[in-house]
PDB file of N, CA and C in Angstrom:
ATOM      1  N   MET A   1       0.598  -0.825  -0.039  1.00  0.00           N
ATOM      2  CA  MET A   1      -0.154  -0.010   0.329  1.00  0.00           C
ATOM      3  C   MET A   1       1.201   1.690  -0.127  1.00  0.00           C
ATOM      4  N   ARG A   2       0.159   2.465  -0.515  1.00  0.00           N
ATOM      5  CA  ARG A   2       0.955   3.500  -0.609  1.00  0.00           C
ATOM      6  C   ARG A   2       0.787   4.622   0.314  1.00  0.00           C
ATOM      7  N   HIS A   3       0.290   4.114   1.224  1.00  0.00           N
ATOM      8  CA  HIS A   3       0.099   5.566   2.056  1.00  0.00           C
ATOM      9  C   HIS A   3       0.165   6.494   2.518  1.00  0.00           C
ATOM     10  N   GLN A   4       0.586   7.813   2.474  1.00  0.00           N
ATOM     11  CA  GLN A   4       1.399   8.473   3.115  1.00  0.00           C
ATOM     12  C   GLN A   4       2.887   8.291   2.408  1.00  0.00           C
ATOM     13  N   VAL A   5       2.597   7.738   1.453  1.00  0.00           N
ATOM     14  CA  VAL A   5       4.125   7.917   0.629  1.00  0.00           C
ATOM     15  C   VAL A   5       3.879   9.686  -0.516  1.00  0.00           C
ATOM     16  N   ALA A   6       5.270  10.196  -0.096  1.00  0.00           N
ATOM     17  CA  ALA A   6       4.488  11.646  -0.890  1.00  0.00           C
ATOM     18  C   ALA A   6       5.642  11.141  -1.838  1.00  0.00           C
ATOM     19  N   GLY A   7       4.778  12.071  -3.398  1.00  0.00           N
ATOM     20  CA  GLY A   7       5.910  12.242  -4.575  1.00  0.00           C
ATOM     21  C   GLY A   7       4.866  11.055  -5.701  1.00  0.00           C
ATOM     22  N   LYS A   8       5.406  11.107  -6.880  1.00  0.00           N
ATOM     23  CA  LYS A   8       4.485  10.518  -7.555  1.00  0.00           C
ATOM     24  C   LYS A   8       6.164   9.224  -8.145  1.00  0.00           C
ATOM     25  N   LYS A   9       5.336   8.415  -8.801  1.00  0.00           N
ATOM     26  CA  LYS A   9       6.900   7.302  -9.614  1.00  0.00           C
ATOM     27  C   LYS A   9       7.099   8.049 -11.270  1.00  0.00           C
ATOM     28  N   LEU A  10       6.137   8.046 -12.151  1.00  0.00           N
ATOM     29  CA  LEU A  10       6.190   8.499 -13.260  1.00  0.00           C
ATOM     30  C   LEU A  10       6.359   7.625 -14.199  1.00  0.00           C
ATOM     31  N   ASN A  11       6.601   6.489 -13.645  1.00  0.00           N
ATOM     32  CA  ASN A  11       7.294   4.615 -14.061  1.00  0.00           C
ATOM     33  C   ASN A  11       8.449   5.063 -14.288  1.00  0.00           C
ATOM     34  N   ARG A  12       9.606   5.942 -13.481  1.00  0.00           N
ATOM     35  CA  ARG A  12      11.142   6.158 -13.372  1.00  0.00           C
ATOM     36  C   ARG A  12      11.513   5.320 -12.120  1.00  0.00           C
ATOM     37  N   SER A  13      12.902   5.055 -12.886  1.00  0.00           N
ATOM     38  CA  SER A  13      13.737   4.763 -11.585  1.00  0.00           C
ATOM     39  C   SER A  13      13.731   6.075 -10.477  1.00  0.00           C
ATOM     40  N   LYS A  14      14.761   5.972  -9.574  1.00  0.00           N
ATOM     41  CA  LYS A  14      14.795   7.125  -9.091  1.00  0.00           C
ATOM     42  C   LYS A  14      15.549   8.446  -9.481  1.00  0.00           C
ATOM     43  N   GLY A  15      16.587   7.991 -10.489  1.00  0.00           N
ATOM     44  CA  GLY A  15      17.661   8.547 -10.954  1.00  0.00           C
ATOM     45  C   GLY A  15      16.782   9.624 -11.507  1.00  0.00           C
ATOM     46  N   ALA A  16      15.740   8.420 -12.471  1.00  0.00           N
ATOM     47  CA  ALA A  16      15.865   9.094 -13.309  1.00  0.00           C
ATOM     48  C   ALA A  16      14.402   9.917 -13.722  1.00  0.00           C
ATOM     49  N   ARG A  17      13.510   9.968 -12.538  1.00  0.00           N
ATOM     50  CA  ARG A  17      12.499  10.748 -11.591  1.00  0.00           C
ATOM     51  C   ARG A  17      13.062  12.161 -11.115  1.00  0.00           C
ATOM     52  N   ASN A  18      14.391  12.079 -10.615  1.00  0.00           N
ATOM     53  CA  ASN A  18      15.041  12.804  -9.999  1.00  0.00           C
ATOM     54  C   ASN A  18      15.795  13.997 -11.092  1.00  0.00           C
ATOM     55  N   ALA A  19      16.439  13.451 -12.040  1.00  0.00           N
ATOM     56  CA  ALA A  19      16.878  14.566 -13.431  1.00  0.00           C
ATOM     57  C   ALA A  19      15.559  14.921 -13.595  1.00  0.00           C
ATOM     58  N   LEU A  20      14.134  14.113 -13.731  1.00  0.00           N
ATOM     59  CA  LEU A  20      13.483  14.688 -14.603  1.00  0.00           C
ATOM     60  C   LEU A  20      12.461  16.187 -13.654  1.00  0.00           C
ATOM     61  N   ARG A  21      12.057  15.515 -12.907  1.00  0.00           N
ATOM     62  CA  ARG A  21      12.041  17.073 -11.953  1.00  0.00           C
ATOM     63  C   ARG A  21      12.811  18.368 -11.788  1.00  0.00           C
ATOM     64  N   ARG A  22      14.425  17.999 -11.760  1.00  0.00           N
ATOM     65  CA  ARG A  22      15.396  18.920 -11.612  1.00  0.00           C
ATOM     66  C   ARG A  22      15.176  19.940 -13.123  1.00  0.00           C
ATOM     67  N   THR A  23      15.029  19.099 -13.975  1.00  0.00           N
ATOM     68  CA  THR A  23      15.149  19.413 -15.742  1.00  0.00           C
ATOM     69  C   THR A  23      13.380  20.262 -15.823  1.00  0.00           C
ATOM     70  N   LEU A  24      12.917  19.548 -15.152  1.00  0.00           N
ATOM     71  CA  LEU A  24      11.925  20.584 -15.671  1.00  0.00           C
ATOM     72  C   LEU A  24      10.980  21.995 -15.004  1.00  0.00           C
ATOM     73  N   ILE A  25      11.398  22.164 -13.420  1.00  0.00           N
ATOM     74  CA  ILE A  25      12.234  22.923 -12.918  1.00  0.00           C
ATOM     75  C   ILE A  25      13.184  24.173 -13.382  1.00  0.00           C
ATOM     76  N   LYS A  26      14.081  23.838 -14.141  1.00  0.00           N
ATOM     77  CA  LYS A  26      14.843  23.836 -14.366  1.00  0.00           C
ATOM     78  C   LYS A  26      13.747  24.969 -15.993  1.00  0.00           C
ATOM     79  N   GLN A  27      13.765  24.643 -16.695  1.00  0.00           N
ATOM     80  CA  GLN A  27      13.101  24.900 -17.598  1.00  0.00           C
ATOM     81  C   GLN A  27      12.170  26.022 -17.100  1.00  0.00           C
ATOM     82  N   LEU A  28      10.997  25.255 -16.282  1.00  0.00           N
ATOM     83  CA  LEU A  28       9.967  25.903 -15.941  1.00  0.00           C
ATOM     84  C   LEU A  28      10.779  27.459 -15.645  1.00  0.00           C
ATOM     85  N   PHE A  29      11.715  27.694 -14.717  1.00  0.00           N
ATOM     86  CA  PHE A  29      12.381  28.956 -13.951  1.00  0.00           C
ATOM     87  C   PHE A  29      12.694  29.762 -15.024  1.00  0.00           C
ATOM     88  N   THR A  30      13.299  28.973 -16.479  1.00  0.00           N
ATOM     89  CA  THR A  30      14.207  29.661 -17.196  1.00  0.00           C
ATOM     90  C   THR A  30      13.313  30.421 -18.161  1.00  0.00           C
ATOM     91  N   HIS A  31      11.894  29.771 -18.458  1.00  0.00           N
ATOM     92  CA  HIS A  31      10.858  29.862 -19.629  1.00  0.00           C
ATOM     93  C   HIS A  31       9.837  30.505 -19.076  1.00  0.00           C
ATOM     94  N   GLU A  32       9.925  30.098 -17.897  1.00  0.00           N
ATOM     95  CA  GLU A  32       8.499  31.213 -16.569  1.00  0.00           C
ATOM     96  C   GLU A  32       7.075  30.504 -17.721  1.00  0.00           C
ATOM     97  N   ARG A  33       7.144  29.315 -18.515  1.00  0.00           N
ATOM     98  CA  ARG A  33       6.228  28.663 -19.103  1.00  0.00           C
ATOM     99  C   ARG A  33       6.650  27.326 -19.991  1.00  0.00           C
ATOM    100  N   ILE A  34       6.415  25.983 -19.628  1.00  0.00           N
ATOM    101  CA  ILE A  34       5.816  24.722 -20.130  1.00  0.00           C
ATOM    102  C   ILE A  34       5.077  23.959 -20.347  1.00  0.00           C
ATOM    103  N   GLN A  35       5.549  22.957 -21.461  1.00  0.00           N
ATOM    104  CA  GLN A  35       4.032  22.355 -22.039  1.00  0.00           C
ATOM    105  C   GLN A  35       4.730  20.979 -21.469  1.00  0.00           C
ATOM    106  N   THR A  36       3.721  20.300 -20.686  1.00  0.00           N
ATOM    107  CA  THR A  36       3.789  18.875 -20.486  1.00  0.00           C
ATOM    108  C   THR A  36       3.479  18.049 -19.940  1.00  0.00           C
ATOM    109  N   THR A  37       2.698  17.379 -19.109  1.00  0.00           N
ATOM    110  CA  THR A  37       1.714  16.214 -19.181  1.00  0.00           C
ATOM    111  C   THR A  37       1.270  16.693 -17.975  1.00  0.00           C
ATOM    112  N   GLU A  38      -0.177  16.146 -17.651  1.00  0.00           N
ATOM    113  CA  GLU A  38      -0.467  16.850 -16.291  1.00  0.00           C
ATOM    114  C   GLU A  38       0.208  16.365 -15.338  1.00  0.00           C
ATOM    115  N   ALA A  39       0.692  14.967 -15.629  1.00  0.00           N
ATOM    116  CA  ALA A  39       1.276  14.262 -13.955  1.00  0.00           C
ATOM    117  C   ALA A  39       2.260  14.488 -13.827  1.00  0.00           C
ATOM    118  N   LYS A  40       3.236  15.046 -14.615  1.00  0.00           N
ATOM    119  CA  LYS A  40       4.264  15.388 -14.168  1.00  0.00           C
ATOM    120  C   LYS A  40       4.437  17.168 -14.125  1.00  0.00           C
ATOM    121  N   ALA A  41       3.563  17.843 -14.495  1.00  0.00           N
ATOM    122  CA  ALA A  41       3.055  19.370 -13.723  1.00  0.00           C
ATOM    123  C   ALA A  41       2.464  18.822 -12.212  1.00  0.00           C
ATOM    124  N   ALA A  42       1.855  18.066 -11.990  1.00  0.00           N
ATOM    125  CA  ALA A  42       1.874  17.957 -10.759  1.00  0.00           C
ATOM    126  C   ALA A  42       2.675  17.032 -10.283  1.00  0.00           C
ATOM    127  N   ALA A  43       3.618  16.723 -10.282  1.00  0.00           N
ATOM    128  CA  ALA A  43       4.886  15.989  -9.534  1.00  0.00           C
ATOM    129  C   ALA A  43       5.700  17.260  -9.390  1.00  0.00           C
ATOM    130  N   ILE A  44       5.713  18.511  -9.693  1.00  0.00           N
ATOM    131  CA  ILE A  44       7.311  19.347 -10.090  1.00  0.00           C
ATOM    132  C   ILE A  44       6.023  20.693  -9.539  1.00  0.00           C
ATOM    133  N   ARG A  45       4.823  21.062  -9.149  1.00  0.00           N
ATOM    134  CA  ARG A  45       4.489  22.330  -9.110  1.00  0.00           C
ATOM    135  C   ARG A  45       4.802  22.416  -7.753  1.00  0.00           C
ATOM    136  N   ALA A  46       4.280  21.988  -6.458  1.00  0.00           N
ATOM    137  CA  ALA A  46       4.438  22.102  -5.462  1.00  0.00           C
ATOM    138  C   ALA A  46       6.324  22.030  -4.459  1.00  0.00           C
ATOM    139  N   GLU A  47       6.852  21.435  -5.347  1.00  0.00           N
ATOM    140  CA  GLU A  47       8.787  21.645  -5.631  1.00  0.00           C
ATOM    141  C   GLU A  47       8.842  22.942  -6.127  1.00  0.00           C
ATOM    142  N   ALA A  48       8.358  23.449  -7.010  1.00  0.00           N
ATOM    143  CA  ALA A  48       8.753  24.703  -7.323  1.00  0.00           C
ATOM    144  C   ALA A  48       7.716  25.724  -6.779  1.00  0.00           C
ATOM    145  N   GLU A  49       6.866  25.797  -6.753  1.00  0.00           N
ATOM    146  CA  GLU A  49       6.412  26.799  -5.740  1.00  0.00           C
ATOM    147  C   GLU A  49       7.094  27.056  -3.729  1.00  0.00           C
ATOM    148  N   LYS A  50       7.610  25.792  -3.422  1.00  0.00           N
ATOM    149  CA  LYS A  50       8.255  25.832  -1.988  1.00  0.00           C
ATOM    150  C   LYS A  50       9.847  26.595  -2.752  1.00  0.00           C
ATOM    151  N   MET A  51      10.573  26.633  -3.804  1.00  0.00           N
ATOM    152  CA  MET A  51      11.406  26.809  -3.774  1.00  0.00           C
ATOM    153  C   MET A  51      11.697  28.569  -3.925  1.00  0.00           C
ATOM    154  N   ILE A  52       9.789  29.380  -4.491  1.00  0.00           N
ATOM    155  CA  ILE A  52      10.056  30.500  -4.578  1.00  0.00           C
ATOM    156  C   ILE A  52       9.590  31.513  -3.482  1.00  0.00           C
ATOM    157  N   THR A  53       8.998  30.054  -2.889  1.00  0.00           N
ATOM    158  CA  THR A  53       8.937  30.906  -1.381  1.00  0.00           C
ATOM    159  C   THR A  53      10.089  30.612  -0.378  1.00  0.00           C
ATOM    160  N   THR A  54      10.890  30.302  -0.639  1.00  0.00           N
ATOM    161  CA  THR A  54      11.886  30.126  -0.123  1.00  0.00           C
ATOM    162  C   THR A  54      13.028  31.611  -0.420  1.00  0.00           C
ATOM    163  N   ALA A  55      12.678  31.720  -1.674  1.00  0.00           N
ATOM    164  CA  ALA A  55      13.506  32.797  -2.181  1.00  0.00           C
ATOM    165  C   ALA A  55      13.101  34.082  -1.683  1.00  0.00           C
ATOM    166  N   ARG A  56      11.132  34.673  -1.328  1.00  0.00           N
ATOM    167  CA  ARG A  56      10.887  35.244  -1.208  1.00  0.00           C
ATOM    168  C   ARG A  56      11.045  35.776  -0.292  1.00  0.00           C
ATOM    169  N   ASN A  57      11.274  34.362   0.798  1.00  0.00           N
ATOM    170  CA  ASN A  57      10.917  35.042   2.555  1.00  0.00           C
ATOM    171  C   ASN A  57      12.738  35.008   2.810  1.00  0.00           C
ATOM    172  N   SER A  58      13.718  34.867   1.787  1.00  0.00           N
ATOM    173  CA  SER A  58      15.418  35.393   1.788  1.00  0.00           C
ATOM    174  C   SER A  58      15.148  36.783   1.777  1.00  0.00           C
ATOM    175  N   ILE A  59      14.006  37.339   0.926  1.00  0.00           N
ATOM    176  CA  ILE A  59      14.646  39.045   0.702  1.00  0.00           C
ATOM    177  C   ILE A  59      14.774  39.700   2.102  1.00  0.00           C
ATOM    178  N   GLU A  60      14.172  39.134   2.753  1.00  0.00           N
ATOM    179  CA  GLU A  60      13.912  40.567   3.833  1.00  0.00           C
ATOM    180  C   GLU A  60      15.063  39.976   5.167  1.00  0.00           C
ATOM    181  N   SER A  61      15.910  38.420   4.504  1.00  0.00           N
ATOM    182  CA  SER A  61      16.423  38.317   5.763  1.00  0.00           C
ATOM    183  C   SER A  61      17.795  38.762   6.030  1.00  0.00           C
ATOM    184  N   SER A  62      18.787  38.299   6.716  1.00  0.00           N
ATOM    185  CA  SER A  62      20.501  38.747   6.899  1.00  0.00           C
ATOM    186  C   SER A  62      20.453  38.153   6.257  1.00  0.00           C
ATOM    187  N   GLU A  63      22.070  38.417   5.670  1.00  0.00           N
ATOM    188  CA  GLU A  63      22.933  37.965   4.680  1.00  0.00           C
ATOM    189  C   GLU A  63      23.119  36.747   4.438  1.00  0.00           C
ATOM    190  N   SER A  64      23.970  36.047   6.308  1.00  0.00           N
ATOM    191  CA  SER A  64      23.483  34.426   6.433  1.00  0.00           C
ATOM    192  C   SER A  64      22.663  33.915   5.954  1.00  0.00           C
ATOM    193  N   GLU A  65      21.374  34.463   5.850  1.00  0.00           N
ATOM    194  CA  GLU A  65      20.144  33.377   5.616  1.00  0.00           C
ATOM    195  C   GLU A  65      20.008  33.550   3.899  1.00  0.00           C
ATOM    196  N   LYS A  66      20.439  34.813   3.809  1.00  0.00           N
ATOM    197  CA  LYS A  66      20.131  34.736   2.705  1.00  0.00           C
ATOM    198  C   LYS A  66      21.250  33.741   1.422  1.00  0.00           C
ATOM    199  N   VAL A  67      22.529  33.508   1.952  1.00  0.00           N
ATOM    200  CA  VAL A  67      23.515  33.194   1.460  1.00  0.00           C
ATOM    201  C   VAL A  67      23.070  30.901   1.554  1.00  0.00           C
ATOM    202  N   ALA A  68      22.730  31.370   2.918  1.00  0.00           N
ATOM    203  CA  ALA A  68      21.815  30.169   3.370  1.00  0.00           C
ATOM    204  C   ALA A  68      20.279  29.306   2.194  1.00  0.00           C
ATOM    205  N   ALA A  69      19.737  30.498   1.758  1.00  0.00           N
ATOM    206  CA  ALA A  69      19.163  29.881   1.532  1.00  0.00           C
ATOM    207  C   ALA A  69      18.964  29.562  -0.083  1.00  0.00           C
ATOM    208  N   ARG A  70      20.226  30.310  -0.599  1.00  0.00           N
ATOM    209  CA  ARG A  70      20.378  30.505  -1.994  1.00  0.00           C
ATOM    210  C   ARG A  70      21.581  28.589  -2.094  1.00  0.00           C
ATOM    211  N   ARG A  71      21.817  28.600  -0.887  1.00  0.00           N
ATOM    212  CA  ARG A  71      22.543  27.295  -1.408  1.00  0.00           C
ATOM    213  C   ARG A  71      21.663  25.874  -1.149  1.00  0.00           C
ATOM    214  N   LEU A  72      20.574  26.557  -0.297  1.00  0.00           N
ATOM    215  CA  LEU A  72      19.462  25.138  -0.244  1.00  0.00           C
ATOM    216  C   LEU A  72      19.068  24.993  -1.873  1.00  0.00           C
ATOM    217  N   ILE A  73      18.761  25.990  -2.457  1.00  0.00           N
ATOM    218  CA  ILE A  73      17.874  26.298  -3.612  1.00  0.00           C
ATOM    219  C   ILE A  73      19.316  25.520  -5.009  1.00  0.00           C
ATOM    220  N   ALA A  74      20.489  26.214  -4.560  1.00  0.00           N
ATOM    221  CA  ALA A  74      21.436  25.314  -5.829  1.00  0.00           C
ATOM    222  C   ALA A  74      21.958  24.397  -5.943  1.00  0.00           C
ATOM    223  N   ALA A  75      21.671  23.252  -4.456  1.00  0.00           N
ATOM    224  CA  ALA A  75      22.102  21.672  -4.306  1.00  0.00           C
ATOM    225  C   ALA A  75      20.844  21.546  -4.848  1.00  0.00           C
ATOM    226  N   LYS A  76      19.857  22.106  -5.269  1.00  0.00           N
ATOM    227  CA  LYS A  76      18.324  21.085  -5.595  1.00  0.00           C
ATOM    228  C   LYS A  76      18.209  21.199  -7.419  1.00  0.00           C
ATOM    229  N   LEU A  77      18.396  22.210  -7.779  1.00  0.00           N
ATOM    230  CA  LEU A  77      19.191  22.823  -8.773  1.00  0.00           C
ATOM    231  C   LEU A  77      20.244  22.540  -9.616  1.00  0.00           C
ATOM    232  N   SER A  78      21.625  22.775  -9.423  1.00  0.00           N
ATOM    233  CA  SER A  78      22.503  22.737  -9.523  1.00  0.00           C
ATOM    234  C   SER A  78      22.805  23.221 -10.956  1.00  0.00           C
ATOM    235  N   ASP A  79      22.480  24.476 -10.972  1.00  0.00           N
ATOM    236  CA  ASP A  79      22.649  25.750 -12.211  1.00  0.00           C
ATOM    237  C   ASP A  79      22.757  27.116 -11.749  1.00  0.00           C
ATOM    238  N   HIS A  80      23.809  27.613 -11.135  1.00  0.00           N
ATOM    239  CA  HIS A  80      23.890  28.867 -10.112  1.00  0.00           C
ATOM    240  C   HIS A  80      22.881  29.985 -11.426  1.00  0.00           C
ATOM    241  N   ALA A  81      22.688  30.161 -12.658  1.00  0.00           N
ATOM    242  CA  ALA A  81      22.336  31.162 -13.731  1.00  0.00           C
ATOM    243  C   ALA A  81      20.974  30.762 -13.131  1.00  0.00           C
ATOM    244  N   ILE A  82      20.488  29.854 -13.217  1.00  0.00           N
ATOM    245  CA  ILE A  82      18.955  29.467 -12.885  1.00  0.00           C
ATOM    246  C   ILE A  82      18.437  30.197 -11.306  1.00  0.00           C
ATOM    247  N   VAL A  83      19.430  29.949 -10.422  1.00  0.00           N
ATOM    248  CA  VAL A  83      19.557  30.210  -9.343  1.00  0.00           C
ATOM    249  C   VAL A  83      19.313  32.007  -8.883  1.00  0.00           C
ATOM    250  N   ASN A  84      20.423  32.471  -9.851  1.00  0.00           N
ATOM    251  CA  ASN A  84      20.424  33.861  -9.695  1.00  0.00           C
ATOM    252  C   ASN A  84      18.809  34.738 -10.044  1.00  0.00           C
ATOM    253  N   LYS A  85      18.514  34.155 -11.192  1.00  0.00           N
ATOM    254  CA  LYS A  85      17.239  34.097 -11.978  1.00  0.00           C
ATOM    255  C   LYS A  85      16.151  34.426 -10.593  1.00  0.00           C
ATOM    256  N   LEU A  86      15.705  33.026 -10.048  1.00  0.00           N
ATOM    257  CA  LEU A  86      14.795  32.945  -9.113  1.00  0.00           C
ATOM    258  C   LEU A  86      15.356  34.052  -8.346  1.00  0.00           C
ATOM    259  N   PHE A  87      15.962  34.395  -7.051  1.00  0.00           N
ATOM    260  CA  PHE A  87      16.678  35.122  -6.553  1.00  0.00           C
ATOM    261  C   PHE A  87      16.364  36.284  -6.800  1.00  0.00           C
ATOM    262  N   ASP A  88      16.675  37.270  -8.029  1.00  0.00           N
ATOM    263  CA  ASP A  88      16.874  38.403  -8.653  1.00  0.00           C
ATOM    264  C   ASP A  88      15.740  38.725  -9.707  1.00  0.00           C
ATOM    265  N   GLU A  89      15.052  38.403 -10.480  1.00  0.00           N
ATOM    266  CA  GLU A  89      13.907  38.222 -10.926  1.00  0.00           C
ATOM    267  C   GLU A  89      12.804  37.857 -10.365  1.00  0.00           C
ATOM    268  N   ILE A  90      12.496  36.213  -9.944  1.00  0.00           N
ATOM    269  CA  ILE A  90      11.435  35.740  -9.860  1.00  0.00           C
ATOM    270  C   ILE A  90      11.010  36.292  -8.489  1.00  0.00           C
ATOM    271  N   ALA A  91      11.472  35.810  -7.622  1.00  0.00           N
ATOM    272  CA  ALA A  91      11.203  36.419  -6.244  1.00  0.00           C
ATOM    273  C   ALA A  91      10.341  37.350  -6.112  1.00  0.00           C
ATOM    274  N   PRO A  92      11.334  38.611  -6.367  1.00  0.00           N
ATOM    275  CA  PRO A  92      10.407  39.832  -6.241  1.00  0.00           C
ATOM    276  C   PRO A  92       9.216  40.393  -6.511  1.00  0.00           C
ATOM    277  N   ARG A  93       9.241  39.585  -8.008  1.00  0.00           N
ATOM    278  CA  ARG A  93       7.593  39.864  -7.902  1.00  0.00           C
ATOM    279  C   ARG A  93       6.835  39.443  -6.636  1.00  0.00           C
ATOM    280  N   PHE A  94       6.800  38.288  -6.592  1.00  0.00           N
ATOM    281  CA  PHE A  94       5.944  37.785  -5.449  1.00  0.00           C
ATOM    282  C   PHE A  94       5.886  37.706  -4.155  1.00  0.00           C
ATOM    283  N   VAL A  95       6.246  39.090  -4.016  1.00  0.00           N
ATOM    284  CA  VAL A  95       6.752  39.592  -2.126  1.00  0.00           C
ATOM    285  C   VAL A  95       5.187  40.072  -1.206  1.00  0.00           C
ATOM    286  N   GLY A  96       4.516  40.344  -2.313  1.00  0.00           N
ATOM    287  CA  GLY A  96       3.261  40.377  -1.563  1.00  0.00           C
ATOM    288  C   GLY A  96       2.068  39.653  -1.748  1.00  0.00           C
ATOM    289  N   ARG A  97       2.576  38.255  -2.792  1.00  0.00           N
ATOM    290  CA  ARG A  97       1.625  37.448  -2.996  1.00  0.00           C
ATOM    291  C   ARG A  97       1.841  35.807  -1.681  1.00  0.00           C
ATOM    292  N   PRO A  98       0.506  35.649  -1.109  1.00  0.00           N
ATOM    293  CA  PRO A  98       1.413  34.709  -0.310  1.00  0.00           C
ATOM    294  C   PRO A  98       1.143  33.631  -0.581  1.00  0.00           C
ATOM    295  N   GLY A  99       0.814  33.069  -2.214  1.00  0.00           N
ATOM    296  CA  GLY A  99       1.531  31.646  -2.735  1.00  0.00           C
ATOM    297  C   GLY A  99       0.567  31.168  -3.743  1.00  0.00           C
ATOM    298  N   GLY A 100       0.841  30.343  -4.099  1.00  0.00           N
ATOM    299  CA  GLY A 100       0.161  30.629  -5.799  1.00  0.00           C
ATOM    300  C   GLY A 100       0.640  31.200  -6.156  1.00  0.00           C
ATOM    301  N   TYR A 101       2.076  30.743  -6.628  1.00  0.00           N
ATOM    302  CA  TYR A 101       3.049  31.246  -8.390  1.00  0.00           C
ATOM    303  C   TYR A 101       2.743  30.624  -9.107  1.00  0.00           C
ATOM    304  N   THR A 102       1.903  29.620  -9.040  1.00  0.00           N
ATOM    305  CA  THR A 102       1.956  28.253 -10.478  1.00  0.00           C
ATOM    306  C   THR A 102       0.523  28.725 -11.609  1.00  0.00           C
ATOM    307  N   ARG A 103       0.728  28.489 -12.881  1.00  0.00           N
ATOM    308  CA  ARG A 103      -1.143  28.549 -12.782  1.00  0.00           C
ATOM    309  C   ARG A 103      -0.897  26.665 -13.617  1.00  0.00           C
ATOM    310  N   VAL A 104      -1.756  26.160 -13.836  1.00  0.00           N
ATOM    311  CA  VAL A 104      -2.448  25.227 -15.160  1.00  0.00           C
ATOM    312  C   VAL A 104      -3.083  25.472 -16.041  1.00  0.00           C
ATOM    313  N   LEU A 105      -2.902  25.681 -17.284  1.00  0.00           N
ATOM    314  CA  LEU A 105      -3.992  25.383 -17.966  1.00  0.00           C
ATOM    315  C   LEU A 105      -3.805  24.092 -18.423  1.00  0.00           C
ATOM    316  N   LYS A 106      -4.960  23.576 -18.991  1.00  0.00           N
ATOM    317  CA  LYS A 106      -5.170  21.928 -19.453  1.00  0.00           C
ATOM    318  C   LYS A 106      -5.229  22.470 -21.288  1.00  0.00           C
ATOM    319  N   LEU A 107      -4.987  22.157 -21.799  1.00  0.00           N
ATOM    320  CA  LEU A 107      -4.767  21.771 -23.348  1.00  0.00           C
ATOM    321  C   LEU A 107      -5.514  20.724 -24.052  1.00  0.00           C
ATOM    322  N   GLY A 108      -5.350  20.083 -23.300  1.00  0.00           N
ATOM    323  CA  GLY A 108      -5.666  18.612 -24.135  1.00  0.00           C
ATOM    324  C   GLY A 108      -5.500  16.903 -24.484  1.00  0.00           C
ATOM    325  N   PRO A 109      -5.991  16.323 -25.277  1.00  0.00           N
ATOM    326  CA  PRO A 109      -4.795  14.904 -24.812  1.00  0.00           C
ATOM    327  C   PRO A 109      -3.933  15.199 -26.156  1.00  0.00           C
ATOM    328  N   ARG A 110      -2.520  14.647 -25.960  1.00  0.00           N
ATOM    329  CA  ARG A 110      -1.538  14.457 -27.064  1.00  0.00           C
ATOM    330  C   ARG A 110      -1.871  13.968 -28.349  1.00  0.00           C
ATOM    331  N   LEU A 111      -1.808  14.124 -29.229  1.00  0.00           N
ATOM    332  CA  LEU A 111      -1.528  13.096 -30.482  1.00  0.00           C
ATOM    333  C   LEU A 111      -1.501  11.872 -29.993  1.00  0.00           C
ATOM    334  N   GLY A 112      -0.166  11.865 -30.109  1.00  0.00           N
ATOM    335  CA  GLY A 112       0.328  10.487 -30.331  1.00  0.00           C
ATOM    336  C   GLY A 112       0.043   9.416 -29.153  1.00  0.00           C
ATOM    337  N   ASP A 113       0.226   9.527 -27.929  1.00  0.00           N
ATOM    338  CA  ASP A 113      -0.403   8.620 -26.599  1.00  0.00           C
ATOM    339  C   ASP A 113      -1.457   8.946 -26.324  1.00  0.00           C
ATOM    340  N   ALA A 114      -2.206  10.470 -26.237  1.00  0.00           N
ATOM    341  CA  ALA A 114      -3.790  10.819 -25.982  1.00  0.00           C
ATOM    342  C   ALA A 114      -3.079  10.805 -24.250  1.00  0.00           C
ATOM    343  N   ALA A 115      -1.750  11.083 -24.525  1.00  0.00           N
ATOM    344  CA  ALA A 115      -1.854  12.082 -22.292  1.00  0.00           C
ATOM    345  C   ALA A 115      -2.231  13.555 -22.402  1.00  0.00           C
ATOM    346  N   ASN A 116      -2.739  13.599 -21.732  1.00  0.00           N
ATOM    347  CA  ASN A 116      -3.553  14.615 -21.009  1.00  0.00           C
ATOM    348  C   ASN A 116      -2.332  15.825 -21.386  1.00  0.00           C
ATOM    349  N   MET A 117      -2.187  16.841 -21.728  1.00  0.00           N
ATOM    350  CA  MET A 117      -1.563  18.172 -21.882  1.00  0.00           C
ATOM    351  C   MET A 117      -1.456  19.211 -21.077  1.00  0.00           C
ATOM    352  N   VAL A 118      -1.044  19.535 -20.685  1.00  0.00           N
ATOM    353  CA  VAL A 118      -0.874  21.096 -19.655  1.00  0.00           C
ATOM    354  C   VAL A 118      -0.038  22.366 -19.935  1.00  0.00           C
ATOM    355  N   LEU A 119      -0.231  23.761 -19.428  1.00  0.00           N
ATOM    356  CA  LEU A 119       0.930  24.311 -20.052  1.00  0.00           C
ATOM    357  C   LEU A 119       0.580  25.242 -18.272  1.00  0.00           C
ATOM    358  N   LEU A 120       1.601  24.758 -18.027  1.00  0.00           N
ATOM    359  CA  LEU A 120       2.266  25.196 -16.560  1.00  0.00           C
ATOM    360  C   LEU A 120       2.959  26.171 -16.046  1.00  0.00           C
ATOM    361  N   GLU A 121       3.001  27.466 -16.005  1.00  0.00           N
ATOM    362  CA  GLU A 121       3.609  28.871 -15.907  1.00  0.00           C
ATOM    363  C   GLU A 121       2.868  29.951 -15.040  1.00  0.00           C
ATOM    364  N   LEU A 122       4.493  30.112 -14.230  1.00  0.00           N
ATOM    365  CA  LEU A 122       4.747  31.486 -13.358  1.00  0.00           C
ATOM    366  C   LEU A 122       2.949  32.432 -13.763  1.00  0.00           C
ATOM    367  N   VAL A 123       2.292  32.909 -11.999  1.00  0.00           N
ATOM    368  CA  VAL A 123       1.297  33.949 -12.492  1.00  0.00           C
ATOM    369  C   VAL A 123       2.047  35.154 -12.870  1.00  0.00           C
ATOM    370  N   GLU A 124       1.529  35.747 -13.599  1.00  0.00           N
ATOM    371  CA  GLU A 124       2.144  37.294 -13.425  1.00  0.00           C
ATOM    372  C   GLU A 124       1.202  38.274 -12.995  1.00  0.00           C
ATOM    373  N   GLU A 125       1.782  39.157 -12.208  1.00  0.00           N
ATOM    374  CA  GLU A 125       0.544  39.802 -11.181  1.00  0.00           C
ATOM    375  C   GLU A 125       0.222  41.426 -12.270  1.00  0.00           C
TER     376      GLU A 125
END
């Protein structure tokens, strides 16, 4: 039974699943809008929002807490350019917003395998 087990397996091994989540989150922060399947969007949405919240909360923190927050996010993303974009461009946009930084728009089934496609994007204020 899968009672109280966090996360979806997405029919992948642990390493492939972690790589997929990391890549999708990087693409979301880079392009601010990605088209993916509904299952993959649901799998990364919460993690991406937690990263934005961490970056947003570090804006009013001390220098040591800012560095700690950047290191936490950099450990998950492993790309300093995207970490800088998250902390310098994306997080300041959401300072007055208490949550709900992403939006999921359903696009319909994909032609090849009929997988439900969605557009996952950052909310513009």
